[in-house]
Amino acid sequence: MDHTASETIYRQLGISEEILKFGRKTEKELEARFLEFDQTAEYNQLKVLHAMQENRVNEGCFQYASGYGYNDQGRDTLEAVYASAFHTEAALVRPQITCGTHALALALSANLRPGDELVSPVGKPYDTLEEVIGIRPSRGSLAEYGITYRQVELLDNGYFDYPAIEQVLTDKTRLVTIQRSKGYQTRPSYSVAEIGELISFIKARRPDVICMVDNCYGEFVERLEPSDVGADLVVGSLIKNPGGGLAPIGGYIVGKESLIENCACRLTSPGLGREVGASLGVMQSFYQGFFLAPVVVCSALKGAVFAANIYEKLGYPVVPGGGEDRHDIIQAVTLGSAEGVIAFCKGIQAAAPVDSYVSPEPWAMPGYDSDVIMAAGAFVQGSSIELSADGPIKPPYAVYFQGGLTWHHARFGILKSLQSMVDAGAISMEKIRSLL
């Protein structure tokens, strides 16, 4: 293939010849992996299409609805589409759910009562849930409502400690929360099969316990979802995978009818539930984003594997490894220094279509216990299905890369991150030349 024209524009965008050659070589080695991602995307695309056809999506679903939102056809049909695609009894998909943390907090507070106990069998939850639970004191936390919390630490290899999980399950245990993705940790993200095994283990001992899965960053990465392997509730954000880069806000909860109704009554009001909550003109973006989500996730997966292989070759610890199976779109790279994390993120920001001229800096972001740097020049603020990278400025100084609405943009972002690290002196050009 003649790359002359693209090489010219890469140079105009600040990518050196050596880094571009390193990227081309790495991409060539990944052709078989990329084909696997394409095949999964094809399956999931058809799954979503079938759900839309089955529920008779039509032009009327895109109409503006306001006020109470009674008889909001687009909202109600979209929730039926999500329930069909995730193979669940019901779904709650709303712009009034502001983010993934809100969706999780909603599902937890709706289905836990004073005296109940919440258990995490996968160690510490994502940072922003610490205040929701009350691990770090915060107004309105579950702890303030008399809900207790226990967690089971993972084994040294990052997987489940089944004997310890069995011991922690008691008559007080009402809900078990399973975080699929690694968050700001360097543990593995869990496959749907592994989540299914964990749920089966819990249900065999406590069939009445609600098993909830935080599915953020995991939707459409595999052909199955946690709801296909026994999860009672599955929760996520629309400005991550299922929004396809088009949803401007929103979250979803899918699962058992009674549990979803609890969530609806907490989101709106007891007695009102799912009947109110107007869609306010976002339905076309929600539908079209969900339709595109499988191929957008495919692009993000290609970017994640590309990043893993690039940085693994340069000697940096990466999770998952460059040759490992993927269970979410996040790629962790341990850079070992604050300077490395900052340089990486500045490169990602410089690759963005929006605010590319802005230089990200660490700051005390709400919900986190250390300064965090975030690079995200996105069309939707905070949309981590778009090209982004972030990380806490604390040991082991790992950066978390995710997203890319197109593979070509994801590839450019990784090359730009590498160029930024070379320019900052964090990586030597001689090291890159030695790998050509």
Protein backbone atom coordinates (compact mmCIF):
# COMPACT_ATOMS: atom_id res chain seq x y z
CA MET A 1 0.00 0.00 0.00
CA ASP A 2 1.24 3.50 -0.86
CA HIS A 3 1.46 5.46 2.40
CA THR A 4 3.14 8.55 0.86
CA ALA A 5 0.17 10.91 1.19
CA SER A 6 -0.66 9.84 4.73
CA GLU A 7 3.01 10.08 5.75
CA THR A 8 3.00 13.70 4.61
CA ILE A 9 0.03 14.62 6.77
CA TYR A 10 1.41 12.66 9.74
CA ARG A 11 4.55 14.84 9.49
CA GLN A 12 2.35 17.94 9.36
CA LEU A 13 0.66 16.71 12.53
CA GLY A 14 4.00 16.32 14.30
CA ILE A 15 4.71 12.57 14.04
CA SER A 16 8.32 11.69 13.26
CA GLU A 17 9.25 9.20 10.55
CA GLU A 18 10.64 6.69 13.09
CA ILE A 19 7.51 6.71 15.23
CA LEU A 20 5.29 6.33 12.17
CA LYS A 21 7.34 3.35 10.95
CA PHE A 22 7.16 1.79 14.42
CA GLY A 23 3.39 2.19 14.34
CA ARG A 24 3.04 0.72 10.84
CA LYS A 25 5.14 -2.29 11.80
CA THR A 26 3.08 -2.91 14.95
CA GLU A 27 -0.20 -2.55 13.08
CA LYS A 28 0.87 -5.11 10.49
CA GLU A 29 1.51 -7.64 13.26
CA LEU A 30 -2.03 -7.16 14.58
CA GLU A 31 -4.03 -7.99 11.43
CA ALA A 32 -5.34 -11.31 12.80
CA ARG A 33 -6.46 -9.72 16.10
CA PHE A 34 -8.20 -6.92 14.24
CA LEU A 35 -10.14 -9.44 12.17
CA GLU A 36 -11.43 -11.05 15.37
CA PHE A 37 -12.66 -7.67 16.59
CA ASP A 38 -14.40 -7.07 13.26
CA GLN A 39 -16.20 -10.41 13.54
CA THR A 40 -17.44 -9.65 17.06
CA ALA A 41 -18.60 -6.22 15.90
CA GLU A 42 -20.55 -7.84 13.06
CA TYR A 43 -22.35 -10.15 15.49
CA ASN A 44 -23.18 -7.35 17.94
CA GLN A 45 -24.27 -5.01 15.14
CA LEU A 46 -26.80 -7.59 13.99
CA LYS A 47 -27.91 -8.20 17.58
CA VAL A 48 -28.71 -4.51 18.03
CA LEU A 49 -30.38 -4.32 14.63
CA HIS A 50 -32.58 -7.30 15.52
CA ALA A 51 -33.59 -5.63 18.81
CA MET A 52 -34.57 -2.46 16.95
CA GLN A 53 -36.58 -4.31 14.31
CA GLU A 54 -38.23 -6.55 16.91
CA ASN A 55 -39.48 -3.49 18.82
CA ARG A 56 -40.64 -1.67 15.68
CA VAL A 57 -38.47 1.43 15.98
CA ASN A 58 -39.95 4.12 13.75
CA GLU A 59 -39.60 7.81 12.94
CA GLY A 60 -42.06 8.70 15.66
CA CYS A 61 -39.56 7.48 18.24
CA PHE A 62 -37.35 10.50 17.49
CA GLN A 63 -39.97 13.15 18.26
CA TYR A 64 -39.41 15.75 20.97
CA ALA A 65 -41.16 15.08 24.28
CA SER A 66 -41.36 17.51 27.20
CA GLY A 67 -43.10 18.06 30.50
CA TYR A 68 -44.10 14.94 32.36
CA GLY A 69 -43.26 12.75 29.39
CA TYR A 70 -46.42 10.67 29.60
CA ASN A 71 -46.63 8.34 26.59
CA ASP A 72 -43.09 9.21 25.42
CA GLN A 73 -42.96 6.65 22.61
CA GLY A 74 -39.26 7.09 21.91
CA ARG A 75 -38.27 6.59 25.55
CA ASP A 76 -40.46 3.55 26.09
CA THR A 77 -39.42 1.89 22.83
CA LEU A 78 -35.73 2.52 23.48
CA GLU A 79 -36.03 0.82 26.86
CA ALA A 80 -37.64 -2.16 25.14
CA VAL A 81 -34.76 -2.20 22.64
CA TYR A 82 -32.17 -2.26 25.46
CA ALA A 83 -34.06 -5.04 27.24
CA SER A 84 -34.12 -7.07 24.02
CA ALA A 85 -30.43 -6.50 23.22
CA PHE A 86 -29.34 -7.38 26.76
CA HIS A 87 -31.89 -10.23 27.07
CA THR A 88 -33.48 -8.87 30.25
CA GLU A 89 -37.01 -8.37 31.52
CA ALA A 90 -36.83 -4.57 31.62
CA ALA A 91 -34.59 -1.53 31.18
CA LEU A 92 -34.27 2.05 32.38
CA VAL A 93 -32.48 4.29 29.82
CA ARG A 94 -32.73 7.97 30.64
CA PRO A 95 -31.03 11.31 30.03
CA GLN A 96 -31.90 12.09 33.67
CA ILE A 97 -29.22 9.55 34.68
CA THR A 98 -26.25 11.87 34.46
CA CYS A 99 -23.27 9.48 34.36
CA GLY A 100 -22.07 5.97 35.20
CA THR A 101 -21.54 6.76 38.88
CA HIS A 102 -25.08 8.12 39.08
CA ALA A 103 -26.48 4.98 37.43
CA LEU A 104 -24.63 2.77 39.94
CA ALA A 105 -25.66 4.92 42.91
CA LEU A 106 -29.25 4.80 41.67
CA ALA A 107 -29.28 1.01 41.34
CA LEU A 108 -27.71 0.56 44.78
CA SER A 109 -29.88 3.03 46.69
CA ALA A 110 -33.03 1.77 44.98
CA ASN A 111 -32.48 -1.85 45.96
CA LEU A 112 -30.84 -1.62 49.39
CA ARG A 113 -32.59 -0.83 52.66
CA PRO A 114 -31.36 0.10 56.16
CA GLY A 115 -29.76 -2.94 57.76
CA ASP A 116 -28.79 -4.52 54.44
CA GLU A 117 -25.18 -5.26 53.59
CA LEU A 118 -23.45 -4.58 50.29
CA VAL A 119 -20.55 -6.84 49.31
CA SER A 120 -17.85 -6.36 46.68
CA PRO A 121 -16.11 -9.67 45.91
CA VAL A 122 -13.65 -7.95 43.56
CA GLY A 123 -11.76 -5.71 45.98
CA LYS A 124 -11.94 -1.94 46.10
CA PRO A 125 -14.54 -0.33 43.84
CA TYR A 126 -13.88 2.52 41.44
CA ASP A 127 -12.82 5.73 43.20
CA THR A 128 -16.08 7.66 42.68
CA LEU A 129 -18.09 4.86 44.34
CA GLU A 130 -16.17 5.20 47.60
CA GLU A 131 -18.27 8.23 48.58
CA VAL A 132 -21.47 6.62 47.29
CA ILE A 133 -20.89 3.65 49.58
CA GLY A 134 -19.46 5.66 52.45
CA ILE A 135 -15.94 4.23 52.45
CA ARG A 136 -15.01 7.90 52.34
CA PRO A 137 -17.65 9.85 54.30
CA SER A 138 -19.97 11.88 52.08
CA ARG A 139 -23.43 13.40 52.32
CA GLY A 140 -26.16 10.99 51.33
CA SER A 141 -23.92 7.92 51.25
CA LEU A 142 -25.33 4.43 51.75
CA ALA A 143 -23.58 4.34 55.12
CA GLU A 144 -25.68 7.30 56.30
CA TYR A 145 -28.77 5.18 55.64
CA GLY A 146 -27.54 2.28 57.74
CA ILE A 147 -26.29 0.13 54.87
CA THR A 148 -23.06 -1.67 55.70
CA TYR A 149 -20.31 -2.65 53.29
CA ARG A 150 -17.73 -5.41 53.09
CA GLN A 151 -15.24 -6.28 50.40
CA VAL A 152 -13.16 -9.33 49.62
CA GLU A 153 -9.64 -8.63 48.41
CA LEU A 154 -8.54 -10.30 45.22
CA LEU A 155 -5.87 -12.96 45.08
CA ASP A 156 -2.35 -11.96 44.08
CA ASN A 157 -3.11 -12.93 40.48
CA GLY A 158 -6.06 -10.52 40.42
CA TYR A 159 -8.82 -13.13 40.51
CA PHE A 160 -11.55 -14.11 42.94
CA ASP A 161 -10.86 -15.52 46.40
CA TYR A 162 -13.78 -17.95 46.50
CA PRO A 163 -13.26 -19.26 50.08
CA ALA A 164 -13.19 -15.68 51.40
CA ILE A 165 -16.28 -14.77 49.37
CA GLU A 166 -18.18 -17.71 50.85
CA GLN A 167 -17.28 -16.56 54.37
CA VAL A 168 -18.41 -12.97 53.81
CA LEU A 169 -21.89 -13.89 52.52
CA THR A 170 -24.32 -13.69 55.44
CA ASP A 171 -28.04 -13.27 56.07
CA LYS A 172 -27.47 -9.50 55.94
CA THR A 173 -26.04 -9.63 52.41
CA ARG A 174 -28.62 -8.14 50.09
CA LEU A 175 -26.60 -7.13 47.03
CA VAL A 176 -23.24 -8.09 45.53
CA THR A 177 -21.61 -5.56 43.20
CA ILE A 178 -19.15 -6.79 40.58
CA GLN A 179 -17.02 -4.25 38.75
CA ARG A 180 -16.15 -5.65 35.34
CA SER A 181 -13.48 -3.15 34.36
CA LYS A 182 -10.25 -2.50 36.23
CA GLY A 183 -10.89 1.18 37.03
CA TYR A 184 -7.75 2.88 38.36
CA GLN A 185 -6.16 -0.46 39.18
CA THR A 186 -3.77 -2.74 37.35
CA ARG A 187 -5.82 -5.91 38.00
CA PRO A 188 -7.36 -7.80 35.08
CA SER A 189 -10.75 -6.81 33.74
CA TYR A 190 -13.12 -9.76 33.90
CA SER A 191 -14.58 -11.70 31.03
CA VAL A 192 -18.31 -12.35 30.86
CA ALA A 193 -17.56 -16.05 31.46
CA GLU A 194 -15.61 -15.27 34.64
CA ILE A 195 -18.40 -13.01 35.87
CA GLY A 196 -20.87 -15.80 35.17
CA GLU A 197 -18.82 -18.25 37.24
CA LEU A 198 -18.71 -15.78 40.14
CA ILE A 199 -22.47 -15.19 39.97
CA SER A 200 -23.14 -18.94 39.88
CA PHE A 201 -20.94 -19.41 42.95
CA ILE A 202 -22.83 -16.70 44.85
CA LYS A 203 -26.29 -17.85 43.76
CA ALA A 204 -25.55 -21.45 44.76
CA ARG A 205 -25.02 -20.23 48.33
CA ARG A 206 -27.40 -17.28 48.48
CA PRO A 207 -29.98 -17.45 45.66
CA ASP A 208 -31.84 -14.43 47.09
CA VAL A 209 -28.84 -12.09 46.76
CA ILE A 210 -29.01 -9.49 43.97
CA CYS A 211 -25.97 -9.70 41.68
CA MET A 212 -25.26 -6.33 40.06
CA VAL A 213 -22.55 -5.81 37.43
CA ASP A 214 -20.92 -2.47 36.72
CA ASN A 215 -20.61 -2.94 32.95
CA CYS A 216 -18.90 0.38 32.18
CA TYR A 217 -16.38 0.08 29.33
CA GLY A 218 -17.42 -3.54 28.66
CA GLU A 219 -20.50 -3.35 26.44
CA PHE A 220 -20.11 -5.03 23.03
CA VAL A 221 -16.51 -6.07 23.68
CA GLU A 222 -17.71 -9.70 23.69
CA ARG A 223 -20.72 -11.38 22.12
CA LEU A 224 -22.35 -11.95 25.51
CA GLU A 225 -23.18 -9.45 28.27
CA PRO A 226 -23.30 -10.12 32.03
CA SER A 227 -27.10 -10.31 31.80
CA ASP A 228 -26.64 -13.43 29.65
CA VAL A 229 -24.83 -15.23 32.50
CA GLY A 230 -27.10 -14.55 35.46
CA ALA A 231 -26.65 -10.90 36.47
CA ASP A 232 -29.82 -9.48 38.03
CA LEU A 233 -28.82 -5.89 37.22
CA VAL A 234 -26.37 -4.54 34.65
CA VAL A 235 -25.44 -0.86 34.79
CA GLY A 236 -23.58 1.51 32.48
CA SER A 237 -23.12 4.98 31.03
CA LEU A 238 -24.28 6.22 27.64
CA ILE A 239 -21.22 8.44 27.22
CA LYS A 240 -19.18 5.25 27.23
CA ASN A 241 -19.66 2.25 24.92
CA PRO A 242 -23.44 2.02 24.33
CA GLY A 243 -23.86 5.68 23.38
CA GLY A 244 -21.63 5.18 20.35
CA GLY A 245 -20.16 8.66 20.75
CA LEU A 246 -23.48 10.31 19.89
CA ALA A 247 -25.39 10.21 23.21
CA PRO A 248 -24.86 13.61 24.89
CA ILE A 249 -25.68 12.32 28.39
CA GLY A 250 -27.41 9.40 30.05
CA GLY A 251 -27.13 6.02 31.69
CA TYR A 252 -28.84 2.66 31.60
CA ILE A 253 -29.86 -0.10 33.99
CA VAL A 254 -31.15 -3.42 32.64
CA GLY A 255 -32.33 -6.45 34.56
CA LYS A 256 -35.25 -7.97 36.41
CA GLU A 257 -38.56 -6.15 36.18
CA SER A 258 -39.03 -5.65 39.94
CA LEU A 259 -35.50 -4.30 40.42
CA ILE A 260 -35.80 -1.93 37.47
CA GLU A 261 -39.09 -0.62 38.84
CA ASN A 262 -37.32 0.07 42.15
CA CYS A 263 -34.72 2.06 40.22
CA ALA A 264 -37.39 4.03 38.37
CA CYS A 265 -39.18 4.92 41.61
CA ARG A 266 -35.89 6.18 43.07
CA LEU A 267 -35.02 8.14 39.91
CA THR A 268 -38.43 9.86 39.72
CA SER A 269 -40.76 9.29 42.66
CA PRO A 270 -42.61 6.47 44.40
CA GLY A 271 -45.88 6.04 42.56
CA LEU A 272 -44.56 7.59 39.35
CA GLY A 273 -41.73 5.24 38.38
CA ARG A 274 -41.10 4.85 34.65
CA GLU A 275 -44.22 6.76 33.61
CA VAL A 276 -42.56 10.17 33.79
CA GLY A 277 -39.28 11.65 32.61
CA ALA A 278 -39.41 13.26 29.18
CA SER A 279 -36.67 12.49 26.66
CA LEU A 280 -36.22 16.17 25.70
CA GLY A 281 -35.13 15.64 22.12
CA VAL A 282 -32.19 13.27 22.66
CA MET A 283 -33.84 10.11 21.36
CA GLN A 284 -32.38 10.13 17.85
CA SER A 285 -28.87 10.40 19.32
CA PHE A 286 -29.63 7.60 21.79
CA TYR A 287 -30.96 5.28 19.09
CA GLN A 288 -28.33 6.06 16.49
CA GLY A 289 -25.53 5.89 19.05
CA PHE A 290 -26.70 2.48 20.23
CA PHE A 291 -26.90 1.31 16.62
CA LEU A 292 -23.32 2.44 15.93
CA ALA A 293 -21.93 1.29 19.28
CA PRO A 294 -20.65 -2.16 18.17
CA VAL A 295 -18.45 -0.70 15.41
CA VAL A 296 -17.29 2.20 17.59
CA VAL A 297 -16.30 -0.26 20.32
CA CYS A 298 -14.44 -2.27 17.67
CA SER A 299 -12.39 0.84 16.79
CA ALA A 300 -11.64 1.46 20.47
CA LEU A 301 -10.53 -2.16 20.92
CA LYS A 302 -8.13 -1.87 18.02
CA GLY A 303 -6.70 1.27 19.58
CA ALA A 304 -6.32 -0.41 22.97
CA VAL A 305 -4.48 -3.43 21.54
CA PHE A 306 -2.31 -1.15 19.41
CA ALA A 307 -1.38 0.86 22.53
CA ALA A 308 -0.64 -2.31 24.50
CA ASN A 309 1.72 -3.62 21.84
CA ILE A 310 3.46 -0.28 21.28
CA TYR A 311 4.24 0.30 24.95
CA GLU A 312 4.92 -3.34 25.80
CA LYS A 313 7.65 -3.38 23.17
CA LEU A 314 9.16 -0.34 24.84
CA GLY A 315 9.38 -2.20 28.15
CA TYR A 316 6.42 -0.74 30.04
CA PRO A 317 4.06 -3.00 32.04
CA VAL A 318 0.66 -3.07 30.35
CA VAL A 319 -2.68 -4.54 31.51
CA PRO A 320 -3.94 -6.43 29.65
CA GLY A 321 -0.86 -7.63 27.82
CA GLY A 322 -0.53 -7.07 24.11
CA GLY A 323 -1.51 -10.66 23.29
CA GLU A 324 -4.20 -11.20 25.94
CA ASP A 325 -7.94 -11.42 25.35
CA ARG A 326 -9.90 -8.17 25.76
CA HIS A 327 -12.82 -7.74 28.15
CA ASP A 328 -13.11 -3.94 28.12
CA ILE A 329 -11.79 -1.01 26.10
CA ILE A 330 -9.39 0.31 28.77
CA GLN A 331 -5.65 -0.07 28.36
CA ALA A 332 -3.49 0.50 31.44
CA VAL A 333 0.16 1.42 30.92
CA THR A 334 2.39 1.81 33.97
CA LEU A 335 4.81 4.60 33.12
CA GLY A 336 6.53 4.80 36.51
CA SER A 337 6.61 8.58 36.91
CA ALA A 338 4.30 11.56 37.12
CA GLU A 339 6.22 13.13 34.23
CA GLY A 340 5.51 10.12 32.02
CA VAL A 341 1.78 10.16 32.79
CA ILE A 342 1.56 13.90 32.10
CA ALA A 343 3.51 13.64 28.81
CA PHE A 344 1.32 10.74 27.63
CA CYS A 345 -1.89 12.65 28.38
CA LYS A 346 -0.61 15.81 26.70
CA GLY A 347 -0.01 13.76 23.56
CA ILE A 348 -3.56 12.38 23.61
CA GLN A 349 -4.96 15.89 24.09
CA ALA A 350 -2.88 17.18 21.18
CA ALA A 351 -4.44 14.47 18.99
CA ALA A 352 -8.02 15.57 19.75
CA PRO A 353 -10.44 17.19 17.28
CA VAL A 354 -11.65 19.52 20.05
CA ASP A 355 -9.37 21.61 22.32
CA SER A 356 -6.22 20.12 20.78
CA TYR A 357 -4.34 23.30 21.68
CA VAL A 358 -5.10 22.91 25.39
CA SER A 359 -2.48 21.39 27.71
CA PRO A 360 -4.03 19.16 30.40
CA GLU A 361 -2.76 19.49 33.95
CA PRO A 362 -3.37 17.39 37.09
CA TRP A 363 -6.08 18.74 39.39
CA ALA A 364 -8.11 17.80 42.47
CA MET A 365 -11.06 16.27 40.63
CA PRO A 366 -14.23 15.68 42.70
CA GLY A 367 -14.66 12.09 43.85
CA TYR A 368 -10.95 11.15 43.79
CA ASP A 369 -8.39 10.96 46.60
CA SER A 370 -5.44 12.36 44.60
CA ASP A 371 -4.83 14.76 41.76
CA VAL A 372 -6.00 13.35 38.43
CA ILE A 373 -4.98 14.32 34.91
CA MET A 374 -7.50 13.88 32.12
CA ALA A 375 -6.97 14.30 28.39
CA ALA A 376 -10.23 14.37 26.47
CA GLY A 377 -10.78 16.71 23.57
CA ALA A 378 -14.25 15.33 22.97
CA PHE A 379 -17.46 16.37 21.24
CA VAL A 380 -19.30 15.32 24.44
CA GLN A 381 -17.67 16.46 27.67
CA GLY A 382 -16.24 13.48 29.57
CA SER A 383 -17.19 10.99 26.86
CA SER A 384 -14.67 8.20 27.37
CA ILE A 385 -15.76 6.27 24.28
CA GLU A 386 -14.07 9.14 22.47
CA LEU A 387 -10.27 9.23 22.46
CA SER A 388 -9.16 9.92 26.02
CA ALA A 389 -6.56 9.13 28.64
CA ASP A 390 -6.42 9.80 32.34
CA GLY A 391 -4.78 8.67 35.52
CA PRO A 392 -4.21 9.54 39.19
CA ILE A 393 -0.93 11.22 39.96
CA LYS A 394 0.20 8.64 42.50
CA PRO A 395 2.24 5.41 42.43
CA PRO A 396 2.54 3.27 40.37
CA TYR A 397 1.89 6.18 37.95
CA ALA A 398 -0.27 4.28 35.51
CA VAL A 399 -2.18 5.92 32.69
CA TYR A 400 -5.49 4.59 31.40
CA PHE A 401 -6.16 4.98 27.69
CA GLN A 402 -9.53 4.31 26.12
CA GLY A 403 -11.82 5.16 23.26
CA GLY A 404 -11.58 6.27 19.68
CA LEU A 405 -14.67 6.74 17.54
CA THR A 406 -12.59 5.56 14.57
CA TRP A 407 -9.58 3.27 14.43
CA HIS A 408 -7.59 5.84 12.46
CA HIS A 409 -8.04 8.43 15.17
CA ALA A 410 -7.18 5.96 17.92
CA ARG A 411 -3.98 5.03 16.08
CA PHE A 412 -3.00 8.67 15.65
CA GLY A 413 -3.65 9.34 19.34
CA ILE A 414 -1.28 6.57 20.43
CA LEU A 415 1.43 7.75 18.04
CA LYS A 416 0.97 11.30 19.35
CA SER A 417 1.29 10.09 22.96
CA LEU A 418 4.54 8.37 22.05
CA GLN A 419 5.81 11.47 20.23
CA SER A 420 4.98 13.58 23.29
CA MET A 421 6.94 11.24 25.57
CA VAL A 422 9.93 11.34 23.22
CA ASP A 423 9.77 15.13 23.05
CA ALA A 424 9.61 15.30 26.87
CA GLY A 425 12.64 13.02 27.21
CA ALA A 426 10.67 10.21 28.86
CA ILE A 427 11.51 7.79 26.01
CA SER A 428 14.63 7.90 23.82
CA MET A 429 14.32 7.88 20.06
CA GLU A 430 17.21 5.40 20.00
CA LYS A 431 14.99 2.89 21.79
CA ILE A 432 12.36 3.22 19.07
CA ARG A 433 14.94 2.95 16.28
CA SER A 434 16.22 -0.29 17.82
CA LEU A 435 12.76 -1.84 17.37
CA LEU A 436 12.39 -1.01 13.67
